[in-house]
Amino acid sequence: PRRGDHEREDLHRLVQPLQVADTELCTRAEKDLLTGLTGGCYAPIGVLAQVQRGSFALQARVVSLDGRASAGGSVRGARHQSAELVQQLCAGLIRQGAGRIIEETREGLLAGA
């Protein structure tokens, strides 16, 4: 974990040997993309982060429930650029209308609940 992510050093020491750096990087990137898009339980977002041959790759797609509207893209770069790449992809998805798709889906699902 990043400094400050944990409050209990005893738990950190127990979990640290189980952590895989590439897996943690990918998980954080996927979570950061979802957060950047205000994605939650009702957000129609698919995202996949991978470390391949030392480089970082992230792809995502946002699709309306009826499948008529979508926004998607991918980015690739160095591992140390992952945060910037997440922001870049998030901005590209928003430019394609991802925010509107997410909001409309959320409203539709909540109205039917």
Protein backbone atom coordinates (compact mmCIF):
# COMPACT_ATOMS: atom_id res chain seq x y z
CA PRO A 1 0.00 0.00 0.00
CA ARG A 2 0.95 3.64 -0.41
CA ARG A 3 2.08 5.44 2.69
CA GLY A 4 -0.94 6.49 4.71
CA ASP A 5 -3.24 3.84 3.20
CA HIS A 6 -3.07 1.75 6.32
CA GLU A 7 -3.46 2.57 9.97
CA ARG A 8 -2.47 -0.76 11.48
CA GLU A 9 1.15 -1.62 10.92
CA ASP A 10 0.59 -5.16 12.25
CA LEU A 11 -1.90 -5.91 9.47
CA HIS A 12 0.34 -4.26 6.90
CA ARG A 13 3.22 -6.55 7.89
CA LEU A 14 0.97 -9.61 7.54
CA VAL A 15 -0.40 -8.67 4.12
CA GLN A 16 2.73 -7.19 2.54
CA PRO A 17 4.31 -10.56 1.57
CA LEU A 18 1.11 -11.48 -0.28
CA GLN A 19 1.00 -8.34 -2.40
CA VAL A 20 2.09 -8.38 -6.02
CA ALA A 21 3.23 -4.97 -7.27
CA ASP A 22 1.75 -5.34 -10.77
CA THR A 23 -1.59 -6.52 -9.40
CA GLU A 24 -1.74 -3.62 -6.95
CA LEU A 25 -0.87 -1.14 -9.72
CA CYS A 26 -3.64 -2.51 -11.94
CA THR A 27 -6.23 -2.61 -9.18
CA ARG A 28 -5.49 0.98 -8.17
CA ALA A 29 -5.67 2.15 -11.79
CA GLU A 30 -9.03 0.45 -12.36
CA LYS A 31 -10.41 1.93 -9.13
CA ASP A 32 -9.06 5.39 -9.99
CA LEU A 33 -10.74 5.26 -13.41
CA LEU A 34 -14.07 4.28 -11.86
CA THR A 35 -13.73 7.09 -9.33
CA GLY A 36 -12.81 9.58 -12.04
CA LEU A 37 -15.94 8.68 -13.97
CA THR A 38 -18.07 8.78 -10.78
CA GLY A 39 -18.81 5.15 -11.40
CA GLY A 40 -20.55 3.23 -8.69
CA CYS A 41 -22.82 0.24 -8.41
CA TYR A 42 -25.07 1.55 -11.18
CA ALA A 43 -22.35 2.51 -13.63
CA PRO A 44 -22.10 0.49 -16.86
CA ILE A 45 -18.30 0.53 -16.98
CA GLY A 46 -15.93 -2.23 -18.03
CA VAL A 47 -12.26 -1.64 -17.28
CA LEU A 48 -9.12 -3.75 -17.55
CA ALA A 49 -5.60 -2.78 -16.51
CA GLN A 50 -2.60 -4.96 -17.30
CA VAL A 51 1.16 -4.89 -17.06
CA GLN A 52 2.58 -6.49 -20.18
CA ARG A 53 6.29 -6.80 -20.88
CA GLY A 54 7.00 -4.03 -18.40
CA SER A 55 4.52 -1.52 -19.82
CA PHE A 56 1.16 -0.50 -18.43
CA ALA A 57 -2.05 -0.85 -20.48
CA LEU A 58 -5.55 0.29 -19.57
CA GLN A 59 -8.74 -0.10 -21.55
CA ALA A 60 -12.29 0.84 -20.69
CA ARG A 61 -15.75 1.00 -22.18
CA VAL A 62 -18.96 2.62 -20.98
CA VAL A 63 -22.15 1.34 -22.62
CA SER A 64 -25.77 2.37 -22.18
CA LEU A 65 -28.20 -0.31 -21.06
CA ASP A 66 -29.78 -0.50 -24.51
CA GLY A 67 -26.35 -0.66 -26.16
CA ARG A 68 -27.03 2.31 -28.43
CA ALA A 69 -24.53 4.68 -26.82
CA SER A 70 -20.98 3.89 -25.86
CA ALA A 71 -17.62 5.44 -25.12
CA GLY A 72 -14.37 3.53 -25.12
CA GLY A 73 -10.66 3.73 -25.41
CA SER A 74 -7.30 2.49 -24.31
CA VAL A 75 -3.93 3.88 -23.27
CA ARG A 76 -0.48 2.37 -22.95
CA GLY A 77 2.76 3.61 -21.46
CA ALA A 78 5.37 3.11 -18.79
CA ARG A 79 4.35 1.74 -15.40
CA HIS A 80 5.39 4.95 -13.67
CA GLN A 81 2.95 6.89 -15.89
CA SER A 82 -0.11 4.91 -14.77
CA ALA A 83 -1.76 7.80 -12.89
CA GLU A 84 -1.40 10.14 -15.88
CA LEU A 85 -2.64 7.44 -18.26
CA VAL A 86 -5.74 6.88 -16.10
CA GLN A 87 -6.49 10.62 -16.21
CA GLN A 88 -5.92 10.69 -19.97
CA LEU A 89 -8.31 7.80 -20.59
CA CYS A 90 -10.90 9.20 -18.19
CA ALA A 91 -10.84 12.57 -19.98
CA GLY A 92 -11.20 10.85 -23.35
CA LEU A 93 -14.19 8.84 -22.17
CA ILE A 94 -15.85 11.95 -20.77
CA ARG A 95 -15.32 13.75 -24.09
CA GLN A 96 -17.11 10.84 -25.77
CA GLY A 97 -20.12 11.21 -23.47
CA ALA A 98 -19.36 8.65 -20.76
CA GLY A 99 -20.64 10.96 -18.01
CA ARG A 100 -24.00 11.30 -19.72
CA ILE A 101 -24.29 7.54 -20.26
CA ILE A 102 -23.45 6.84 -16.62
CA GLU A 103 -25.91 9.43 -15.31
CA GLU A 104 -28.74 8.29 -17.57
CA THR A 105 -28.16 4.67 -16.59
CA ARG A 106 -28.05 5.52 -12.90
CA GLU A 107 -31.27 7.54 -13.14
CA GLY A 108 -33.01 4.80 -15.10
CA LEU A 109 -32.01 2.06 -12.69
CA LEU A 110 -32.90 4.05 -9.61
CA ALA A 111 -36.27 5.02 -11.07
CA GLY A 112 -37.08 1.35 -11.64
CA ALA A 113 -35.98 0.27 -8.14
